[in-house]
Amino acid sequence: MALNSRRPTRPGNLARKFLLHLVNLPDQLESVEFRRFKRSFGGLLERHVPHDLIRHWVIRIEEEDAGELSKEERVWKYWLLPLRNGIRVIWQDSDMRLRRIGVFRLLEIFLQVGDRKLSFGPVTDDTDWFLSLLQPPTFIEDALMQLLECPNATKVCGNAKCQTKYFFAFRRSQKYCSEPCARPAQRWAKNKWWAAHGPEWRKARKPAKAESATKRHCRREK
């Protein structure tokens, strides 16, 4: 299903909306979903994406076509999609320890949240040199922290055909992201019930119908 107002996001919670759109991004840069995401959050991304770090990754990977990629394509391939994939892993796991480690790994790797004085150990990774003093939290950091604040609300839609299957649930038992996605399962449950109990239900209903018809006839006779 397309992302819409039926999705169980909280009104006014921009961080959740950002997280929901990001985790549901398809693999194609040219997709309609990415254009919508860019219209809504392009300005925020431009301010918070670590472009210097992305260029560093491109140089380390040394792909033949890396120099031909546009700035947007580099962000998409080396930052946005890997970040989306990391969020999906955390989204589907209810283990709070894994969630905590996962969120802080995402913050460290993709947003360079940290402090260089915390670079412990005999070997320092070269990306640690992108760290400075710990800065105030960004909008994206606040969005990722939603994965810790609502661990039981991140669900995957039970409808295998759902195109935006990651959603925030209203209740713990919720299995589908929206009413349209739930309808096939509801129809299947009804058909299963009728197959198992339909003949018995119809058989029991016949005497009741006959009795009702007799009572109506008696009232007319009177």
N, C-alpha and C. Protein backbone atom coordinates (compact mmCIF):
# COMPACT_ATOMS: atom_id res chain seq x y z
N MET A 1 0.83 -1.20 0.00
CA MET A 1 0.00 0.00 0.00
C MET A 1 0.87 1.24 0.00
N ALA A 2 0.37 2.32 -0.59
CA ALA A 2 1.11 3.57 -0.60
C ALA A 2 1.05 4.22 0.78
N LEU A 3 2.09 4.96 1.10
CA LEU A 3 2.09 5.69 2.36
C LEU A 3 1.00 6.74 2.32
N ASN A 4 0.15 6.76 3.34
CA ASN A 4 -0.94 7.73 3.34
C ASN A 4 -1.36 7.99 4.76
N SER A 5 -2.44 8.76 4.92
CA SER A 5 -2.88 9.18 6.25
C SER A 5 -3.41 8.04 7.09
N ARG A 6 -3.69 6.88 6.47
CA ARG A 6 -4.17 5.75 7.25
C ARG A 6 -3.04 5.09 8.01
N ARG A 7 -1.80 5.39 7.65
CA ARG A 7 -0.68 4.82 8.37
C ARG A 7 -0.69 5.31 9.81
N PRO A 8 -0.39 4.43 10.76
CA PRO A 8 -0.45 4.81 12.17
C PRO A 8 0.73 5.62 12.66
N THR A 9 0.93 6.80 12.08
CA THR A 9 1.93 7.72 12.59
C THR A 9 1.25 8.73 13.49
N ARG A 10 1.99 9.29 14.41
CA ARG A 10 1.41 10.27 15.30
C ARG A 10 1.41 11.64 14.63
N PRO A 11 0.28 12.37 14.70
CA PRO A 11 0.21 13.67 14.06
C PRO A 11 1.33 14.59 14.54
N GLY A 12 1.97 15.25 13.59
CA GLY A 12 2.98 16.23 13.95
C GLY A 12 4.34 15.66 14.28
N ASN A 13 4.50 14.32 14.28
CA ASN A 13 5.78 13.73 14.61
C ASN A 13 6.60 13.59 13.33
N LEU A 14 7.34 14.63 12.99
CA LEU A 14 8.09 14.65 11.75
C LEU A 14 9.20 13.60 11.75
N ALA A 15 9.78 13.34 12.92
CA ALA A 15 10.86 12.35 12.99
C ALA A 15 10.34 10.96 12.62
N ARG A 16 9.16 10.61 13.10
CA ARG A 16 8.59 9.30 12.75
C ARG A 16 8.23 9.24 11.27
N LYS A 17 7.70 10.33 10.76
CA LYS A 17 7.35 10.37 9.34
C LYS A 17 8.60 10.17 8.49
N PHE A 18 9.69 10.83 8.86
CA PHE A 18 10.95 10.67 8.13
C PHE A 18 11.41 9.22 8.18
N LEU A 19 11.39 8.63 9.36
CA LEU A 19 11.85 7.25 9.53
C LEU A 19 10.99 6.29 8.72
N LEU A 20 9.69 6.52 8.72
CA LEU A 20 8.76 5.65 8.00
C LEU A 20 8.99 5.71 6.50
N HIS A 21 9.19 6.92 5.97
CA HIS A 21 9.44 7.05 4.54
C HIS A 21 10.80 6.47 4.17
N LEU A 22 11.80 6.67 5.02
CA LEU A 22 13.14 6.17 4.73
C LEU A 22 13.18 4.65 4.70
N VAL A 23 12.59 4.00 5.69
CA VAL A 23 12.67 2.54 5.78
C VAL A 23 11.88 1.88 4.64
N ASN A 24 10.93 2.59 4.05
CA ASN A 24 10.14 2.03 2.96
C ASN A 24 10.63 2.43 1.57
N LEU A 25 11.76 3.12 1.49
CA LEU A 25 12.28 3.49 0.18
C LEU A 25 12.58 2.25 -0.66
N PRO A 26 12.20 2.25 -1.94
CA PRO A 26 12.57 1.15 -2.83
C PRO A 26 14.03 1.27 -3.25
N ASP A 27 14.51 0.32 -4.03
CA ASP A 27 15.91 0.31 -4.43
C ASP A 27 16.23 1.29 -5.56
N GLN A 28 15.20 1.79 -6.25
CA GLN A 28 15.42 2.60 -7.44
C GLN A 28 15.46 4.09 -7.11
N LEU A 29 16.53 4.73 -7.52
CA LEU A 29 16.66 6.17 -7.33
C LEU A 29 15.59 6.94 -8.08
N GLU A 30 15.16 6.42 -9.22
CA GLU A 30 14.19 7.11 -10.06
C GLU A 30 12.75 6.89 -9.62
N SER A 31 12.53 6.23 -8.50
CA SER A 31 11.18 5.87 -8.08
C SER A 31 10.37 7.09 -7.65
N VAL A 32 9.06 6.95 -7.74
CA VAL A 32 8.15 8.00 -7.29
C VAL A 32 8.31 8.23 -5.79
N GLU A 33 8.53 7.13 -5.05
CA GLU A 33 8.67 7.24 -3.59
C GLU A 33 9.88 8.09 -3.21
N PHE A 34 10.98 7.94 -3.95
CA PHE A 34 12.16 8.75 -3.62
C PHE A 34 11.91 10.21 -3.95
N ARG A 35 11.21 10.50 -5.03
CA ARG A 35 10.91 11.90 -5.36
C ARG A 35 10.07 12.54 -4.27
N ARG A 36 9.11 11.78 -3.74
CA ARG A 36 8.30 12.29 -2.63
C ARG A 36 9.16 12.50 -1.38
N PHE A 37 10.02 11.54 -1.11
CA PHE A 37 10.91 11.64 0.04
C PHE A 37 11.81 12.86 -0.09
N LYS A 38 12.32 13.09 -1.28
CA LYS A 38 13.21 14.22 -1.52
C LYS A 38 12.47 15.54 -1.35
N ARG A 39 11.24 15.61 -1.85
CA ARG A 39 10.45 16.84 -1.69
C ARG A 39 10.21 17.16 -0.22
N SER A 40 9.95 16.13 0.56
CA SER A 40 9.63 16.34 1.98
C SER A 40 10.86 16.57 2.84
N PHE A 41 11.97 15.89 2.53
CA PHE A 41 13.11 15.89 3.45
C PHE A 41 14.45 16.24 2.79
N GLY A 42 14.40 16.69 1.54
CA GLY A 42 15.64 17.00 0.84
C GLY A 42 16.48 18.05 1.55
N GLY A 43 15.82 19.09 2.06
CA GLY A 43 16.55 20.14 2.77
C GLY A 43 17.22 19.64 4.03
N LEU A 44 16.53 18.79 4.77
CA LEU A 44 17.10 18.22 5.99
C LEU A 44 18.30 17.34 5.66
N LEU A 45 18.18 16.54 4.62
CA LEU A 45 19.29 15.67 4.25
C LEU A 45 20.50 16.48 3.83
N GLU A 46 20.29 17.54 3.08
CA GLU A 46 21.40 18.35 2.60
C GLU A 46 22.20 18.92 3.77
N ARG A 47 21.51 19.25 4.84
CA ARG A 47 22.19 19.84 6.00
C ARG A 47 22.92 18.79 6.83
N HIS A 48 22.43 17.56 6.85
CA HIS A 48 22.95 16.59 7.80
C HIS A 48 23.73 15.43 7.19
N VAL A 49 23.64 15.22 5.89
CA VAL A 49 24.40 14.13 5.27
C VAL A 49 25.90 14.46 5.31
N PRO A 50 26.75 13.53 5.76
CA PRO A 50 28.21 13.78 5.83
C PRO A 50 28.88 13.57 4.47
N HIS A 51 28.84 14.58 3.62
CA HIS A 51 29.34 14.46 2.25
C HIS A 51 30.83 14.13 2.21
N ASP A 52 31.61 14.71 3.11
CA ASP A 52 33.05 14.42 3.11
C ASP A 52 33.31 12.94 3.39
N LEU A 53 32.55 12.39 4.31
CA LEU A 53 32.70 10.97 4.63
C LEU A 53 32.30 10.11 3.45
N ILE A 54 31.24 10.48 2.75
CA ILE A 54 30.80 9.70 1.59
C ILE A 54 31.87 9.71 0.50
N ARG A 55 32.48 10.87 0.25
CA ARG A 55 33.56 10.93 -0.73
C ARG A 55 34.73 10.04 -0.31
N HIS A 56 34.99 9.99 0.99
CA HIS A 56 36.05 9.13 1.50
C HIS A 56 35.73 7.66 1.24
N TRP A 57 34.48 7.27 1.44
CA TRP A 57 34.07 5.89 1.17
C TRP A 57 34.22 5.56 -0.31
N VAL A 58 33.83 6.50 -1.16
CA VAL A 58 33.92 6.28 -2.61
C VAL A 58 35.38 6.04 -3.00
N ILE A 59 36.29 6.84 -2.46
CA ILE A 59 37.71 6.69 -2.77
C ILE A 59 38.23 5.34 -2.29
N ARG A 60 37.82 4.93 -1.09
CA ARG A 60 38.29 3.65 -0.54
C ARG A 60 37.79 2.47 -1.35
N ILE A 61 36.55 2.57 -1.82
CA ILE A 61 35.98 1.46 -2.59
C ILE A 61 36.58 1.40 -3.99
N GLU A 62 36.93 2.56 -4.52
CA GLU A 62 37.61 2.67 -5.81
C GLU A 62 36.85 1.97 -6.93
N GLU A 63 35.58 2.24 -7.03
CA GLU A 63 34.81 1.69 -8.14
C GLU A 63 35.15 2.46 -9.42
N GLU A 64 35.09 1.77 -10.54
CA GLU A 64 35.47 2.38 -11.80
C GLU A 64 34.56 3.55 -12.16
N ASP A 65 33.28 3.40 -11.84
CA ASP A 65 32.33 4.44 -12.23
C ASP A 65 32.07 5.46 -11.13
N ALA A 66 32.82 5.38 -10.03
CA ALA A 66 32.55 6.26 -8.89
C ALA A 66 32.69 7.73 -9.28
N GLY A 67 33.68 8.04 -10.13
CA GLY A 67 33.87 9.43 -10.51
C GLY A 67 32.78 9.96 -11.41
N GLU A 68 32.00 9.07 -12.01
CA GLU A 68 30.93 9.48 -12.90
C GLU A 68 29.61 9.70 -12.18
N LEU A 69 29.54 9.30 -10.94
CA LEU A 69 28.30 9.46 -10.19
C LEU A 69 28.09 10.90 -9.78
N SER A 70 26.83 11.35 -9.84
CA SER A 70 26.50 12.68 -9.36
C SER A 70 26.49 12.68 -7.83
N LYS A 71 26.42 13.86 -7.25
CA LYS A 71 26.37 13.98 -5.80
C LYS A 71 25.17 13.24 -5.24
N GLU A 72 24.03 13.37 -5.89
CA GLU A 72 22.81 12.69 -5.43
C GLU A 72 22.95 11.18 -5.54
N GLU A 73 23.57 10.72 -6.62
CA GLU A 73 23.76 9.28 -6.80
C GLU A 73 24.71 8.71 -5.76
N ARG A 74 25.75 9.47 -5.40
CA ARG A 74 26.68 9.00 -4.36
C ARG A 74 25.96 8.88 -3.02
N VAL A 75 25.17 9.89 -2.68
CA VAL A 75 24.42 9.86 -1.42
C VAL A 75 23.47 8.67 -1.41
N TRP A 76 22.80 8.45 -2.53
CA TRP A 76 21.84 7.35 -2.63
C TRP A 76 22.52 5.99 -2.47
N LYS A 77 23.59 5.77 -3.20
CA LYS A 77 24.23 4.46 -3.24
C LYS A 77 25.06 4.14 -2.00
N TYR A 78 25.80 5.13 -1.51
CA TYR A 78 26.77 4.86 -0.44
C TYR A 78 26.27 5.26 0.95
N TRP A 79 25.16 5.97 1.01
CA TRP A 79 24.70 6.44 2.32
C TRP A 79 23.25 6.11 2.60
N LEU A 80 22.35 6.54 1.72
CA LEU A 80 20.93 6.42 2.02
C LEU A 80 20.45 4.98 2.01
N LEU A 81 20.79 4.21 0.97
CA LEU A 81 20.35 2.82 0.92
C LEU A 81 21.00 1.95 2.00
N PRO A 82 22.32 2.08 2.27
CA PRO A 82 22.87 1.31 3.39
C PRO A 82 22.26 1.69 4.73
N LEU A 83 21.96 2.99 4.92
CA LEU A 83 21.30 3.41 6.16
C LEU A 83 19.91 2.80 6.24
N ARG A 84 19.18 2.80 5.13
CA ARG A 84 17.86 2.17 5.10
C ARG A 84 17.94 0.70 5.46
N ASN A 85 18.93 0.00 4.92
CA ASN A 85 19.07 -1.44 5.20
C ASN A 85 19.36 -1.70 6.68
N GLY A 86 20.18 -0.84 7.28
CA GLY A 86 20.46 -0.98 8.70
C GLY A 86 19.22 -0.76 9.55
N ILE A 87 18.42 0.24 9.18
CA ILE A 87 17.17 0.51 9.90
C ILE A 87 16.22 -0.68 9.79
N ARG A 88 16.18 -1.31 8.62
CA ARG A 88 15.29 -2.46 8.43
C ARG A 88 15.67 -3.62 9.35
N VAL A 89 16.95 -3.83 9.54
CA VAL A 89 17.40 -4.90 10.44
C VAL A 89 16.90 -4.64 11.85
N ILE A 90 17.09 -3.41 12.32
CA ILE A 90 16.66 -3.05 13.67
C ILE A 90 15.14 -3.08 13.78
N TRP A 91 14.46 -2.62 12.75
CA TRP A 91 13.00 -2.53 12.74
C TRP A 91 12.34 -3.88 13.02
N GLN A 92 12.96 -4.94 12.49
CA GLN A 92 12.33 -6.26 12.56
C GLN A 92 12.76 -7.08 13.77
N ASP A 93 13.67 -6.55 14.58
CA ASP A 93 14.17 -7.30 15.73
C ASP A 93 13.70 -6.65 17.02
N SER A 94 13.09 -7.44 17.89
CA SER A 94 12.53 -6.90 19.14
C SER A 94 13.52 -6.92 20.29
N ASP A 95 14.71 -7.48 20.07
CA ASP A 95 15.71 -7.54 21.13
C ASP A 95 16.26 -6.15 21.42
N MET A 96 16.02 -5.63 22.63
CA MET A 96 16.40 -4.26 22.94
C MET A 96 17.91 -4.07 22.95
N ARG A 97 18.64 -5.09 23.31
CA ARG A 97 20.10 -4.95 23.30
C ARG A 97 20.60 -4.76 21.87
N LEU A 98 20.08 -5.58 20.95
CA LEU A 98 20.47 -5.43 19.56
C LEU A 98 20.05 -4.05 19.05
N ARG A 99 18.86 -3.61 19.45
CA ARG A 99 18.39 -2.29 18.99
C ARG A 99 19.32 -1.18 19.47
N ARG A 100 19.70 -1.22 20.71
CA ARG A 100 20.58 -0.17 21.24
C ARG A 100 21.92 -0.15 20.51
N ILE A 101 22.50 -1.35 20.37
CA ILE A 101 23.79 -1.43 19.68
C ILE A 101 23.62 -0.98 18.23
N GLY A 102 22.54 -1.42 17.60
CA GLY A 102 22.30 -1.09 16.20
C GLY A 102 22.13 0.39 15.97
N VAL A 103 21.33 1.04 16.80
CA VAL A 103 21.09 2.48 16.64
C VAL A 103 22.39 3.26 16.80
N PHE A 104 23.16 2.94 17.82
CA PHE A 104 24.39 3.68 18.04
C PHE A 104 25.44 3.37 16.96
N ARG A 105 25.39 2.17 16.39
CA ARG A 105 26.26 1.88 15.27
C ARG A 105 25.88 2.72 14.05
N LEU A 106 24.58 2.85 13.80
CA LEU A 106 24.13 3.69 12.69
C LEU A 106 24.54 5.14 12.89
N LEU A 107 24.39 5.63 14.13
CA LEU A 107 24.77 7.01 14.41
C LEU A 107 26.26 7.22 14.21
N GLU A 108 27.04 6.26 14.63
CA GLU A 108 28.49 6.38 14.51
C GLU A 108 28.95 6.29 13.06
N ILE A 109 28.41 5.30 12.33
CA ILE A 109 28.88 5.04 10.97
C ILE A 109 28.35 6.08 9.98
N PHE A 110 27.05 6.34 10.02
CA PHE A 110 26.44 7.14 8.97
C PHE A 110 26.35 8.63 9.30
N LEU A 111 26.38 8.98 10.57
CA LEU A 111 26.28 10.39 10.94
C LEU A 111 27.51 10.89 11.67
N GLN A 112 28.47 9.99 11.90
CA GLN A 112 29.70 10.35 12.61
C GLN A 112 29.40 11.01 13.96
N VAL A 113 28.40 10.48 14.64
CA VAL A 113 28.09 10.95 15.99
C VAL A 113 29.09 10.32 16.95
N GLY A 114 29.84 11.13 17.61
CA GLY A 114 30.85 10.63 18.54
C GLY A 114 31.83 11.73 18.89
N ASP A 115 32.86 11.35 19.58
CA ASP A 115 33.89 12.31 20.00
C ASP A 115 35.24 11.62 19.79
N ARG A 116 36.16 12.31 19.16
CA ARG A 116 37.44 11.70 18.83
C ARG A 116 38.18 11.19 20.07
N LYS A 117 37.94 11.81 21.22
CA LYS A 117 38.63 11.35 22.43
C LYS A 117 38.13 9.98 22.88
N LEU A 118 37.02 9.51 22.29
CA LEU A 118 36.51 8.18 22.60
C LEU A 118 37.05 7.12 21.64
N SER A 119 38.02 7.48 20.81
CA SER A 119 38.62 6.52 19.89
C SER A 119 39.67 5.71 20.64
N PHE A 120 39.21 4.64 21.27
CA PHE A 120 40.08 3.82 22.08
C PHE A 120 40.74 2.73 21.23
N GLY A 121 41.71 2.05 21.81
CA GLY A 121 42.30 0.88 21.19
C GLY A 121 43.62 1.18 20.51
N PRO A 122 44.37 0.14 20.21
CA PRO A 122 45.70 0.31 19.61
C PRO A 122 45.65 0.77 18.17
N VAL A 123 44.51 0.54 17.48
CA VAL A 123 44.37 0.95 16.08
C VAL A 123 43.16 1.85 15.95
N THR A 124 43.34 2.97 15.30
CA THR A 124 42.24 3.92 15.09
C THR A 124 41.79 3.86 13.64
N ASP A 125 40.51 3.65 13.45
CA ASP A 125 39.97 3.63 12.09
C ASP A 125 40.10 5.01 11.49
N ASP A 126 40.40 5.06 10.19
CA ASP A 126 40.64 6.37 9.59
C ASP A 126 39.40 7.25 9.55
N THR A 127 38.19 6.64 9.63
CA THR A 127 36.99 7.47 9.65
C THR A 127 36.84 8.19 10.98
N ASP A 128 37.57 7.76 12.02
CA ASP A 128 37.52 8.46 13.30
C ASP A 128 38.04 9.89 13.18
N TRP A 129 38.81 10.14 12.14
CA TRP A 129 39.36 11.49 11.98
C TRP A 129 38.31 12.48 11.50
N PHE A 130 37.13 11.96 11.12
CA PHE A 130 36.03 12.85 10.76
C PHE A 130 35.30 13.33 12.02
N LEU A 131 35.60 12.72 13.15
CA LEU A 131 34.94 13.10 14.39
C LEU A 131 35.56 14.38 14.96
N SER A 132 34.74 15.12 15.65
CA SER A 132 35.22 16.30 16.38
C SER A 132 34.65 16.20 17.79
N LEU A 133 34.38 17.31 18.43
CA LEU A 133 33.68 17.26 19.70
C LEU A 133 32.23 16.84 19.47
N LEU A 134 31.64 16.22 20.47
CA LEU A 134 30.27 15.76 20.34
C LEU A 134 29.34 16.96 20.12
N GLN A 135 28.59 16.91 19.03
CA GLN A 135 27.71 18.01 18.65
C GLN A 135 26.28 17.75 19.15
N PRO A 136 25.45 18.80 19.20
CA PRO A 136 24.04 18.59 19.56
C PRO A 136 23.36 17.63 18.60
N PRO A 137 22.37 16.89 19.05
CA PRO A 137 21.71 15.90 18.19
C PRO A 137 21.04 16.56 16.99
N THR A 138 21.14 15.90 15.85
CA THR A 138 20.49 16.38 14.63
C THR A 138 19.09 15.78 14.52
N PHE A 139 18.36 16.25 13.52
CA PHE A 139 17.02 15.72 13.26
C PHE A 139 17.09 14.22 12.95
N ILE A 140 18.08 13.81 12.16
CA ILE A 140 18.18 12.39 11.79
C ILE A 140 18.50 11.54 13.02
N GLU A 141 19.34 12.06 13.91
CA GLU A 141 19.63 11.33 15.15
C GLU A 141 18.35 11.16 15.97
N ASP A 142 17.57 12.22 16.08
CA ASP A 142 16.30 12.13 16.81
C ASP A 142 15.38 11.09 16.17
N ALA A 143 15.39 11.03 14.83
CA ALA A 143 14.55 10.06 14.14
C ALA A 143 14.98 8.63 14.46
N LEU A 144 16.29 8.38 14.44
CA LEU A 144 16.78 7.03 14.74
C LEU A 144 16.49 6.62 16.18
N MET A 145 16.47 7.57 17.08
CA MET A 145 16.18 7.25 18.47
C MET A 145 14.75 6.76 18.66
N GLN A 146 13.88 7.02 17.67
CA GLN A 146 12.51 6.50 17.74
C GLN A 146 12.52 4.97 17.78
N LEU A 147 13.55 4.36 17.22
CA LEU A 147 13.64 2.90 17.22
C LEU A 147 13.83 2.34 18.63
N LEU A 148 14.33 3.19 19.53
CA LEU A 148 14.50 2.77 20.92
C LEU A 148 13.31 3.18 21.78
N GLU A 149 12.66 4.28 21.42
CA GLU A 149 11.56 4.79 22.22
C GLU A 149 10.26 4.03 21.98
N CYS A 150 10.14 3.36 20.84
CA CYS A 150 8.91 2.61 20.55
C CYS A 150 9.24 1.24 19.97
N PRO A 151 9.95 0.40 20.73
CA PRO A 151 10.43 -0.88 20.20
C PRO A 151 9.31 -1.85 19.82
N ASN A 152 8.15 -1.73 20.45
CA ASN A 152 7.06 -2.66 20.15
C ASN A 152 6.14 -2.16 19.05
N ALA A 153 6.41 -0.98 18.52
CA ALA A 153 5.52 -0.39 17.52
C ALA A 153 6.01 -0.59 16.10
N THR A 154 7.26 -0.99 15.92
CA THR A 154 7.78 -1.18 14.57
C THR A 154 7.39 -2.56 14.07
N LYS A 155 6.57 -2.59 13.02
CA LYS A 155 6.03 -3.85 12.51
C LYS A 155 6.27 -3.97 11.01
N VAL A 156 6.14 -5.20 10.52
CA VAL A 156 6.21 -5.48 9.10
C VAL A 156 4.85 -6.03 8.67
N CYS A 157 4.26 -5.42 7.67
CA CYS A 157 2.91 -5.78 7.24
C CYS A 157 2.83 -7.25 6.85
N GLY A 158 1.77 -7.92 7.28
CA GLY A 158 1.58 -9.33 6.99
C GLY A 158 1.11 -9.61 5.57
N ASN A 159 0.80 -8.56 4.81
CA ASN A 159 0.38 -8.73 3.42
C ASN A 159 1.63 -8.80 2.54
N ALA A 160 1.88 -9.95 1.94
CA ALA A 160 3.10 -10.15 1.16
C ALA A 160 3.19 -9.23 -0.05
N LYS A 161 2.06 -8.69 -0.51
CA LYS A 161 2.04 -7.81 -1.68
C LYS A 161 2.18 -6.34 -1.31
N CYS A 162 2.27 -6.03 -0.03
CA CYS A 162 2.39 -4.64 0.40
C CYS A 162 3.71 -4.06 -0.09
N GLN A 163 3.65 -2.89 -0.71
CA GLN A 163 4.84 -2.25 -1.25
C GLN A 163 5.57 -1.39 -0.23
N THR A 164 4.89 -1.01 0.83
CA THR A 164 5.51 -0.21 1.90
C THR A 164 5.19 -0.91 3.22
N LYS A 165 5.86 -2.03 3.43
CA LYS A 165 5.44 -2.96 4.48
C LYS A 165 5.89 -2.59 5.88
N TYR A 166 6.82 -1.65 6.02
CA TYR A 166 7.28 -1.27 7.36
C TYR A 166 6.36 -0.16 7.90
N PHE A 167 5.83 -0.36 9.11
CA PHE A 167 4.88 0.60 9.64
C PHE A 167 4.96 0.67 11.15
N PHE A 168 4.40 1.75 11.71
CA PHE A 168 4.25 1.90 13.15
C PHE A 168 2.85 1.42 13.53
N ALA A 169 2.76 0.49 14.46
CA ALA A 169 1.47 -0.09 14.85
C ALA A 169 0.85 0.68 16.00
N PHE A 170 -0.48 0.73 16.01
CA PHE A 170 -1.22 1.33 17.11
C PHE A 170 -1.21 0.41 18.33
N ARG A 171 -1.26 -0.90 18.06
CA ARG A 171 -1.32 -1.87 19.15
C ARG A 171 -0.36 -3.01 18.86
N ARG A 172 0.05 -3.71 19.90
CA ARG A 172 1.06 -4.76 19.76
C ARG A 172 0.60 -5.90 18.87
N SER A 173 -0.70 -6.21 18.87
CA SER A 173 -1.22 -7.35 18.10
C SER A 173 -1.48 -7.01 16.64
N GLN A 174 -1.29 -5.77 16.23
CA GLN A 174 -1.59 -5.36 14.86
C GLN A 174 -0.66 -6.04 13.86
N LYS A 175 -1.25 -6.64 12.82
CA LYS A 175 -0.47 -7.41 11.85
C LYS A 175 -0.39 -6.73 10.49
N TYR A 176 -1.27 -5.79 10.23
CA TYR A 176 -1.32 -5.18 8.91
C TYR A 176 -1.23 -3.66 9.03
N CYS A 177 -0.62 -3.06 8.00
CA CYS A 177 -0.38 -1.62 8.07
C CYS A 177 -1.63 -0.81 7.84
N SER A 178 -2.63 -1.37 7.17
CA SER A 178 -3.83 -0.61 6.85
C SER A 178 -4.98 -1.57 6.61
N GLU A 179 -6.18 -1.03 6.55
CA GLU A 179 -7.37 -1.84 6.31
C GLU A 179 -7.33 -2.53 4.94
N PRO A 180 -6.92 -1.84 3.86
CA PRO A 180 -6.83 -2.55 2.57
C PRO A 180 -5.89 -3.76 2.60
N CYS A 181 -4.79 -3.65 3.33
CA CYS A 181 -3.86 -4.78 3.41
C CYS A 181 -4.43 -5.92 4.24
N ALA A 182 -5.33 -5.62 5.15
CA ALA A 182 -5.91 -6.65 6.01
C ALA A 182 -7.05 -7.40 5.33
N ARG A 183 -7.65 -6.81 4.30
CA ARG A 183 -8.84 -7.40 3.69
C ARG A 183 -8.63 -8.80 3.13
N PRO A 184 -7.53 -9.09 2.41
CA PRO A 184 -7.36 -10.46 1.91
C PRO A 184 -7.36 -11.50 3.03
N ALA A 185 -6.70 -11.19 4.14
CA ALA A 185 -6.67 -12.12 5.27
C ALA A 185 -8.05 -12.26 5.89
N GLN A 186 -8.80 -11.16 5.94
CA GLN A 186 -10.16 -11.22 6.49
C GLN A 186 -11.05 -12.08 5.61
N ARG A 187 -10.92 -11.90 4.29
CA ARG A 187 -11.72 -12.72 3.36
C ARG A 187 -11.35 -14.20 3.50
N TRP A 188 -10.04 -14.46 3.63
CA TRP A 188 -9.60 -15.85 3.77
C TRP A 188 -10.16 -16.47 5.04
N ALA A 189 -10.16 -15.70 6.13
CA ALA A 189 -10.68 -16.21 7.41
C ALA A 189 -12.19 -16.49 7.30
N LYS A 190 -12.91 -15.60 6.61
CA LYS A 190 -14.36 -15.81 6.44
C LYS A 190 -14.63 -17.04 5.58
N ASN A 191 -13.86 -17.18 4.49
CA ASN A 191 -14.05 -18.35 3.62
C ASN A 191 -13.73 -19.64 4.35
N LYS A 192 -12.70 -19.60 5.19
CA LYS A 192 -12.33 -20.78 5.95
C LYS A 192 -13.44 -21.14 6.94
N TRP A 193 -14.02 -20.11 7.58
CA TRP A 193 -15.11 -20.36 8.54
C TRP A 193 -16.30 -20.97 7.82
N TRP A 194 -16.66 -20.38 6.66
CA TRP A 194 -17.82 -20.89 5.93
C TRP A 194 -17.59 -22.32 5.45
N ALA A 195 -16.37 -22.62 5.04
CA ALA A 195 -16.07 -23.99 4.59
C ALA A 195 -16.23 -24.99 5.73
N ALA A 196 -15.86 -24.57 6.95
CA ALA A 196 -15.90 -25.48 8.10
C ALA A 196 -17.27 -25.51 8.76
N HIS A 197 -17.96 -24.37 8.81
CA HIS A 197 -19.20 -24.28 9.61
C HIS A 197 -20.43 -23.89 8.81
N GLY A 198 -20.24 -23.53 7.51
CA GLY A 198 -21.36 -23.06 6.72
C GLY A 198 -22.53 -24.03 6.62
N PRO A 199 -22.28 -25.29 6.25
CA PRO A 199 -23.40 -26.23 6.13
C PRO A 199 -24.17 -26.40 7.44
N GLU A 200 -23.43 -26.49 8.54
CA GLU A 200 -24.09 -26.64 9.85
C GLU A 200 -24.92 -25.40 10.19
N TRP A 201 -24.37 -24.21 9.86
CA TRP A 201 -25.08 -22.96 10.15
C TRP A 201 -26.36 -22.86 9.33
N ARG A 202 -26.28 -23.23 8.04
CA ARG A 202 -27.47 -23.18 7.18
C ARG A 202 -28.52 -24.18 7.63
N LYS A 203 -28.06 -25.37 8.06
CA LYS A 203 -28.99 -26.39 8.52
C LYS A 203 -29.74 -25.93 9.76
N ALA A 204 -29.02 -25.28 10.67
CA ALA A 204 -29.66 -24.80 11.90
C ALA A 204 -30.57 -23.62 11.62
N ARG A 205 -30.29 -22.90 10.54
CA ARG A 205 -31.07 -21.70 10.23
C ARG A 205 -32.41 -22.03 9.58
N LYS A 206 -32.50 -23.18 8.90
CA LYS A 206 -33.74 -23.52 8.21
C LYS A 206 -34.94 -23.64 9.14
N PRO A 207 -34.87 -24.37 10.28
CA PRO A 207 -36.01 -24.42 11.20
C PRO A 207 -36.40 -23.05 11.72
N ALA A 208 -35.39 -22.20 11.95
CA ALA A 208 -35.69 -20.86 12.46
C ALA A 208 -36.46 -20.06 11.42
N LYS A 209 -36.10 -20.19 10.16
CA LYS A 209 -36.81 -19.49 9.09
C LYS A 209 -38.24 -20.01 8.97
N ALA A 210 -38.38 -21.33 9.06
CA ALA A 210 -39.71 -21.93 8.96
C ALA A 210 -40.60 -21.47 10.10
N GLU A 211 -40.06 -21.43 11.31
CA GLU A 211 -40.83 -20.98 12.48
C GLU A 211 -41.24 -19.52 12.33
N SER A 212 -40.34 -18.70 11.82
CA SER A 212 -40.64 -17.29 11.63
C SER A 212 -41.74 -17.11 10.60
N ALA A 213 -41.68 -17.90 9.51
CA ALA A 213 -42.70 -17.81 8.47
C ALA A 213 -44.06 -18.23 9.02
N THR A 214 -44.10 -19.25 9.87
CA THR A 214 -45.35 -19.72 10.48
C THR A 214 -45.96 -18.64 11.35
N LYS A 215 -45.14 -17.96 12.14
CA LYS A 215 -45.63 -16.90 13.01
C LYS A 215 -46.21 -15.75 12.19
N ARG A 216 -45.57 -15.38 11.10
CA ARG A 216 -46.10 -14.30 10.25
C ARG A 216 -47.43 -14.71 9.65
N HIS A 217 -47.55 -15.97 9.22
CA HIS A 217 -48.80 -16.44 8.64
C HIS A 217 -49.92 -16.40 9.68
N CYS A 218 -49.61 -16.81 10.92
CA CYS A 218 -50.62 -16.80 11.98
C CYS A 218 -51.11 -15.38 12.28
N ARG A 219 -50.20 -14.43 12.25
CA ARG A 219 -50.60 -13.05 12.52
C ARG A 219 -51.52 -12.53 11.40
N ARG A 220 -51.25 -12.92 10.16
CA ARG A 220 -52.11 -12.49 9.07
C ARG A 220 -53.51 -13.11 9.17
N GLU A 221 -53.56 -14.40 9.62
CA GLU A 221 -54.83 -15.09 9.78
C GLU A 221 -55.71 -14.41 10.81
N LYS A 222 -55.08 -13.92 11.89
CA LYS A 222 -55.83 -13.25 12.95
C LYS A 222 -56.42 -11.94 12.44
